[in-house]
Amino acid sequence: MKSTEYLKELQGKSVEELTEELVSAKKELFNLRFQNATNQLKNTAEITKVRKNIARIQTAISSKAEA
């Protein structure tokens, strides 16, 4: 999924849904970091993708809070 499509999807969600998605993304990031530390992670670029998605979710939450 492209980032623009993902942003449009995020903008259509409520703050509660975004918060739930943020929690699951942070759990996924923790799991990826754990796999990386134990040399089980094959694609390390996934960590970067998840970090950027977390930032996108946080941005969407803050923009909804301002409005």
PDB file of N, CA and C in Angstrom:
ATOM      1  N   MET A   1       0.837  -1.166   0.000  1.00  0.00           N
ATOM      2  CA  MET A   1       0.000   0.000   0.000  1.00  0.00           C
ATOM      3  C   MET A   1       0.892   1.243   0.000  1.00  0.00           C
ATOM      4  N   LYS A   2       0.561   2.159  -0.863  1.00  0.00           N
ATOM      5  CA  LYS A   2       1.344   3.394  -0.931  1.00  0.00           C
ATOM      6  C   LYS A   2       1.010   4.288   0.242  1.00  0.00           C
ATOM      7  N   SER A   3       1.935   5.180   0.535  1.00  0.00           N
ATOM      8  CA  SER A   3       1.753   6.030   1.710  1.00  0.00           C
ATOM      9  C   SER A   3       0.567   6.973   1.547  1.00  0.00           C
ATOM     10  N   THR A   4       0.280   7.441   0.335  1.00  0.00           N
ATOM     11  CA  THR A   4      -0.852   8.342   0.150  1.00  0.00           C
ATOM     12  C   THR A   4      -2.169   7.614   0.404  1.00  0.00           C
ATOM     13  N   GLU A   5      -2.251   6.371  -0.044  1.00  0.00           N
ATOM     14  CA  GLU A   5      -3.453   5.578   0.211  1.00  0.00           C
ATOM     15  C   GLU A   5      -3.606   5.324   1.704  1.00  0.00           C
ATOM     16  N   TYR A   6      -2.491   5.050   2.364  1.00  0.00           N
ATOM     17  CA  TYR A   6      -2.512   4.783   3.798  1.00  0.00           C
ATOM     18  C   TYR A   6      -2.944   6.026   4.567  1.00  0.00           C
ATOM     19  N   LEU A   7      -2.481   7.202   4.130  1.00  0.00           N
ATOM     20  CA  LEU A   7      -2.868   8.454   4.784  1.00  0.00           C
ATOM     21  C   LEU A   7      -4.362   8.716   4.626  1.00  0.00           C
ATOM     22  N   LYS A   8      -4.901   8.457   3.444  1.00  0.00           N
ATOM     23  CA  LYS A   8      -6.335   8.646   3.224  1.00  0.00           C
ATOM     24  C   LYS A   8      -7.139   7.694   4.099  1.00  0.00           C
ATOM     25  N   GLU A   9      -6.630   6.478   4.243  1.00  0.00           N
ATOM     26  CA  GLU A   9      -7.296   5.496   5.099  1.00  0.00           C
ATOM     27  C   GLU A   9      -7.286   5.959   6.554  1.00  0.00           C
ATOM     28  N   LEU A  10      -6.158   6.512   6.979  1.00  0.00           N
ATOM     29  CA  LEU A  10      -6.047   6.995   8.357  1.00  0.00           C
ATOM     30  C   LEU A  10      -6.968   8.178   8.612  1.00  0.00           C
ATOM     31  N   GLN A  11      -7.102   9.059   7.638  1.00  0.00           N
ATOM     32  CA  GLN A  11      -7.935  10.243   7.806  1.00  0.00           C
ATOM     33  C   GLN A  11      -9.401   9.881   7.954  1.00  0.00           C
ATOM     34  N   GLY A  12      -9.794   8.721   7.430  1.00  0.00           N
ATOM     35  CA  GLY A  12     -11.184   8.289   7.525  1.00  0.00           C
ATOM     36  C   GLY A  12     -11.522   7.608   8.835  1.00  0.00           C
ATOM     37  N   LYS A  13     -10.538   7.389   9.690  1.00  0.00           N
ATOM     38  CA  LYS A  13     -10.767   6.681  10.939  1.00  0.00           C
ATOM     39  C   LYS A  13     -10.954   7.660  12.088  1.00  0.00           C
ATOM     40  N   SER A  14     -11.606   7.169  13.140  1.00  0.00           N
ATOM     41  CA  SER A  14     -11.802   7.990  14.335  1.00  0.00           C
ATOM     42  C   SER A  14     -10.550   7.936  15.204  1.00  0.00           C
ATOM     43  N   VAL A  15     -10.515   8.785  16.213  1.00  0.00           N
ATOM     44  CA  VAL A  15      -9.355   8.835  17.103  1.00  0.00           C
ATOM     45  C   VAL A  15      -9.197   7.515  17.854  1.00  0.00           C
ATOM     46  N   GLU A  16     -10.305   6.895  18.247  1.00  0.00           N
ATOM     47  CA  GLU A  16     -10.242   5.623  18.959  1.00  0.00           C
ATOM     48  C   GLU A  16      -9.636   4.534  18.077  1.00  0.00           C
ATOM     49  N   GLU A  17     -10.065   4.492  16.817  1.00  0.00           N
ATOM     50  CA  GLU A  17      -9.523   3.502  15.886  1.00  0.00           C
ATOM     51  C   GLU A  17      -8.039   3.748  15.630  1.00  0.00           C
ATOM     52  N   LEU A  18      -7.669   5.007  15.530  1.00  0.00           N
ATOM     53  CA  LEU A  18      -6.266   5.346  15.317  1.00  0.00           C
ATOM     54  C   LEU A  18      -5.423   4.950  16.521  1.00  0.00           C
ATOM     55  N   THR A  19      -5.962   5.134  17.705  1.00  0.00           N
ATOM     56  CA  THR A  19      -5.236   4.762  18.915  1.00  0.00           C
ATOM     57  C   THR A  19      -5.020   3.250  18.973  1.00  0.00           C
ATOM     58  N   GLU A  20      -6.051   2.489  18.605  1.00  0.00           N
ATOM     59  CA  GLU A  20      -5.919   1.034  18.565  1.00  0.00           C
ATOM     60  C   GLU A  20      -4.861   0.611  17.546  1.00  0.00           C
ATOM     61  N   GLU A  21      -4.876   1.256  16.404  1.00  0.00           N
ATOM     62  CA  GLU A  21      -3.896   0.937  15.366  1.00  0.00           C
ATOM     63  C   GLU A  21      -2.483   1.310  15.810  1.00  0.00           C
ATOM     64  N   LEU A  22      -2.363   2.401  16.546  1.00  0.00           N
ATOM     65  CA  LEU A  22      -1.066   2.824  17.072  1.00  0.00           C
ATOM     66  C   LEU A  22      -0.518   1.782  18.048  1.00  0.00           C
ATOM     67  N   VAL A  23      -1.367   1.283  18.918  1.00  0.00           N
ATOM     68  CA  VAL A  23      -0.936   0.270  19.882  1.00  0.00           C
ATOM     69  C   VAL A  23      -0.474  -0.988  19.163  1.00  0.00           C
ATOM     70  N   SER A  24      -1.219  -1.421  18.160  1.00  0.00           N
ATOM     71  CA  SER A  24      -0.824  -2.636  17.440  1.00  0.00           C
ATOM     72  C   SER A  24       0.463  -2.417  16.648  1.00  0.00           C
ATOM     73  N   ALA A  25       0.663  -1.217  16.112  1.00  0.00           N
ATOM     74  CA  ALA A  25       1.893  -0.931  15.375  1.00  0.00           C
ATOM     75  C   ALA A  25       3.096  -0.921  16.310  1.00  0.00           C
ATOM     76  N   LYS A  26       2.912  -0.399  17.515  1.00  0.00           N
ATOM     77  CA  LYS A  26       4.009  -0.393  18.484  1.00  0.00           C
ATOM     78  C   LYS A  26       4.353  -1.807  18.934  1.00  0.00           C
ATOM     79  N   LYS A  27       3.340  -2.659  19.070  1.00  0.00           N
ATOM     80  CA  LYS A  27       3.595  -4.066  19.407  1.00  0.00           C
ATOM     81  C   LYS A  27       4.362  -4.757  18.276  1.00  0.00           C
ATOM     82  N   GLU A  28       3.961  -4.449  17.055  1.00  0.00           N
ATOM     83  CA  GLU A  28       4.650  -5.025  15.895  1.00  0.00           C
ATOM     84  C   GLU A  28       6.103  -4.564  15.848  1.00  0.00           C
ATOM     85  N   LEU A  29       6.350  -3.294  16.134  1.00  0.00           N
ATOM     86  CA  LEU A  29       7.715  -2.773  16.163  1.00  0.00           C
ATOM     87  C   LEU A  29       8.543  -3.471  17.235  1.00  0.00           C
ATOM     88  N   PHE A  30       7.953  -3.690  18.401  1.00  0.00           N
ATOM     89  CA  PHE A  30       8.660  -4.402  19.466  1.00  0.00           C
ATOM     90  C   PHE A  30       9.043  -5.807  19.015  1.00  0.00           C
ATOM     91  N   ASN A  31       8.093  -6.500  18.382  1.00  0.00           N
ATOM     92  CA  ASN A  31       8.369  -7.856  17.915  1.00  0.00           C
ATOM     93  C   ASN A  31       9.464  -7.870  16.848  1.00  0.00           C
ATOM     94  N   LEU A  32       9.434  -6.894  15.947  1.00  0.00           N
ATOM     95  CA  LEU A  32      10.461  -6.824  14.912  1.00  0.00           C
ATOM     96  C   LEU A  32      11.832  -6.556  15.510  1.00  0.00           C
ATOM     97  N   ARG A  33      11.882  -5.666  16.492  1.00  0.00           N
ATOM     98  CA  ARG A  33      13.162  -5.376  17.146  1.00  0.00           C
ATOM     99  C   ARG A  33      13.678  -6.606  17.892  1.00  0.00           C
ATOM    100  N   PHE A  34      12.779  -7.333  18.513  1.00  0.00           N
ATOM    101  CA  PHE A  34      13.172  -8.551  19.225  1.00  0.00           C
ATOM    102  C   PHE A  34      13.722  -9.583  18.245  1.00  0.00           C
ATOM    103  N   GLN A  35      13.033  -9.752  17.111  1.00  0.00           N
ATOM    104  CA  GLN A  35      13.514 -10.682  16.088  1.00  0.00           C
ATOM    105  C   GLN A  35      14.865 -10.251  15.551  1.00  0.00           C
ATOM    106  N   ASN A  36      15.064  -8.954  15.387  1.00  0.00           N
ATOM    107  CA  ASN A  36      16.327  -8.444  14.885  1.00  0.00           C
ATOM    108  C   ASN A  36      17.453  -8.713  15.882  1.00  0.00           C
ATOM    109  N   ALA A  37      17.152  -8.553  17.160  1.00  0.00           N
ATOM    110  CA  ALA A  37      18.168  -8.775  18.187  1.00  0.00           C
ATOM    111  C   ALA A  37      18.571 -10.241  18.272  1.00  0.00           C
ATOM    112  N   THR A  38      17.659 -11.139  17.953  1.00  0.00           N
ATOM    113  CA  THR A  38      17.955 -12.570  18.012  1.00  0.00           C
ATOM    114  C   THR A  38      18.332 -13.137  16.640  1.00  0.00           C
ATOM    115  N   ASN A  39      18.591 -12.254  15.690  1.00  0.00           N
ATOM    116  CA  ASN A  39      19.005 -12.627  14.323  1.00  0.00           C
ATOM    117  C   ASN A  39      17.988 -13.521  13.615  1.00  0.00           C
ATOM    118  N   GLN A  40      16.707 -13.290  13.868  1.00  0.00           N
ATOM    119  CA  GLN A  40      15.657 -14.048  13.184  1.00  0.00           C
ATOM    120  C   GLN A  40      14.975 -13.215  12.098  1.00  0.00           C
ATOM    121  N   LEU A  41      15.231 -11.916  12.079  1.00  0.00           N
ATOM    122  CA  LEU A  41      14.578 -11.036  11.119  1.00  0.00           C
ATOM    123  C   LEU A  41      15.361 -11.025   9.818  1.00  0.00           C
ATOM    124  N   LYS A  42      14.668 -11.366   8.724  1.00  0.00           N
ATOM    125  CA  LYS A  42      15.336 -11.427   7.430  1.00  0.00           C
ATOM    126  C   LYS A  42      15.277 -10.078   6.699  1.00  0.00           C
ATOM    127  N   ASN A  43      14.160  -9.374   6.819  1.00  0.00           N
ATOM    128  CA  ASN A  43      13.989  -8.103   6.125  1.00  0.00           C
ATOM    129  C   ASN A  43      13.998  -6.971   7.151  1.00  0.00           C
ATOM    130  N   THR A  44      15.148  -6.361   7.341  1.00  0.00           N
ATOM    131  CA  THR A  44      15.271  -5.307   8.352  1.00  0.00           C
ATOM    132  C   THR A  44      14.585  -4.007   7.928  1.00  0.00           C
ATOM    133  N   ALA A  45      14.229  -3.887   6.677  1.00  0.00           N
ATOM    134  CA  ALA A  45      13.531  -2.684   6.212  1.00  0.00           C
ATOM    135  C   ALA A  45      12.127  -2.594   6.800  1.00  0.00           C
ATOM    136  N   GLU A  46      11.599  -3.700   7.290  1.00  0.00           N
ATOM    137  CA  GLU A  46      10.282  -3.698   7.916  1.00  0.00           C
ATOM    138  C   GLU A  46      10.260  -2.784   9.139  1.00  0.00           C
ATOM    139  N   ILE A  47      11.372  -2.721   9.868  1.00  0.00           N
ATOM    140  CA  ILE A  47      11.437  -1.871  11.050  1.00  0.00           C
ATOM    141  C   ILE A  47      11.221  -0.413  10.648  1.00  0.00           C
ATOM    142  N   THR A  48      11.863   0.011   9.589  1.00  0.00           N
ATOM    143  CA  THR A  48      11.718   1.387   9.110  1.00  0.00           C
ATOM    144  C   THR A  48      10.287   1.664   8.663  1.00  0.00           C
ATOM    145  N   LYS A  49       9.678   0.715   7.964  1.00  0.00           N
ATOM    146  CA  LYS A  49       8.303   0.902   7.494  1.00  0.00           C
ATOM    147  C   LYS A  49       7.342   1.068   8.660  1.00  0.00           C
ATOM    148  N   VAL A  50       7.512   0.236   9.675  1.00  0.00           N
ATOM    149  CA  VAL A  50       6.616   0.309  10.827  1.00  0.00           C
ATOM    150  C   VAL A  50       6.826   1.613  11.597  1.00  0.00           C
ATOM    151  N   ARG A  51       8.083   2.052  11.735  1.00  0.00           N
ATOM    152  CA  ARG A  51       8.362   3.316  12.421  1.00  0.00           C
ATOM    153  C   ARG A  51       7.705   4.486  11.693  1.00  0.00           C
ATOM    154  N   LYS A  52       7.765   4.481  10.369  1.00  0.00           N
ATOM    155  CA  LYS A  52       7.150   5.555   9.589  1.00  0.00           C
ATOM    156  C   LYS A  52       5.626   5.503   9.700  1.00  0.00           C
ATOM    157  N   ASN A  53       5.070   4.295   9.736  1.00  0.00           N
ATOM    158  CA  ASN A  53       3.625   4.170   9.899  1.00  0.00           C
ATOM    159  C   ASN A  53       3.186   4.680  11.269  1.00  0.00           C
ATOM    160  N   ILE A  54       3.992   4.419  12.295  1.00  0.00           N
ATOM    161  CA  ILE A  54       3.676   4.932  13.629  1.00  0.00           C
ATOM    162  C   ILE A  54       3.660   6.454  13.601  1.00  0.00           C
ATOM    163  N   ALA A  55       4.629   7.053  12.938  1.00  0.00           N
ATOM    164  CA  ALA A  55       4.671   8.507  12.834  1.00  0.00           C
ATOM    165  C   ALA A  55       3.456   9.034  12.072  1.00  0.00           C
ATOM    166  N   ARG A  56       3.042   8.347  11.040  1.00  0.00           N
ATOM    167  CA  ARG A  56       1.865   8.768  10.274  1.00  0.00           C
ATOM    168  C   ARG A  56       0.609   8.702  11.142  1.00  0.00           C
ATOM    169  N   ILE A  57       0.490   7.631  11.924  1.00  0.00           N
ATOM    170  CA  ILE A  57      -0.677   7.479  12.798  1.00  0.00           C
ATOM    171  C   ILE A  57      -0.689   8.585  13.847  1.00  0.00           C
ATOM    172  N   GLN A  58       0.464   8.872  14.442  1.00  0.00           N
ATOM    173  CA  GLN A  58       0.541   9.925  15.452  1.00  0.00           C
ATOM    174  C   GLN A  58       0.205  11.286  14.852  1.00  0.00           C
ATOM    175  N   THR A  59       0.631  11.526  13.630  1.00  0.00           N
ATOM    176  CA  THR A  59       0.311  12.781  12.956  1.00  0.00           C
ATOM    177  C   THR A  59      -1.187  12.892  12.716  1.00  0.00           C
ATOM    178  N   ALA A  60      -1.818  11.802  12.304  1.00  0.00           N
ATOM    179  CA  ALA A  60      -3.262  11.810  12.065  1.00  0.00           C
ATOM    180  C   ALA A  60      -4.022  12.058  13.368  1.00  0.00           C
ATOM    181  N   ILE A  61      -3.547  11.456  14.460  1.00  0.00           N
ATOM    182  CA  ILE A  61      -4.199  11.667  15.754  1.00  0.00           C
ATOM    183  C   ILE A  61      -4.083  13.129  16.184  1.00  0.00           C
ATOM    184  N   SER A  62      -2.904  13.703  16.040  1.00  0.00           N
ATOM    185  CA  SER A  62      -2.720  15.097  16.466  1.00  0.00           C
ATOM    186  C   SER A  62      -3.504  16.062  15.587  1.00  0.00           C
ATOM    187  N   SER A  63      -3.630  15.773  14.299  1.00  0.00           N
ATOM    188  CA  SER A  63      -4.391  16.665  13.431  1.00  0.00           C
ATOM    189  C   SER A  63      -5.886  16.594  13.744  1.00  0.00           C
ATOM    190  N   LYS A  64      -6.359  15.412  14.140  1.00  0.00           N
ATOM    191  CA  LYS A  64      -7.765  15.293  14.530  1.00  0.00           C
ATOM    192  C   LYS A  64      -8.014  15.967  15.880  1.00  0.00           C
ATOM    193  N   ALA A  65      -7.025  15.947  16.756  1.00  0.00           N
ATOM    194  CA  ALA A  65      -7.182  16.578  18.066  1.00  0.00           C
ATOM    195  C   ALA A  65      -7.243  18.099  17.927  1.00  0.00           C
ATOM    196  N   GLU A  66      -6.525  18.645  16.972  1.00  0.00           N
ATOM    197  CA  GLU A  66      -6.530  20.094  16.749  1.00  0.00           C
ATOM    198  C   GLU A  66      -7.838  20.564  16.155  1.00  0.00           C
ATOM    199  N   ALA A  67      -8.437  19.727  15.319  1.00  0.00           N
ATOM    200  CA  ALA A  67      -9.663  20.134  14.608  1.00  0.00           C
ATOM    201  C   ALA A  67     -10.896  20.061  15.464  1.00  0.00           C
TER     202      ALA A  67
END
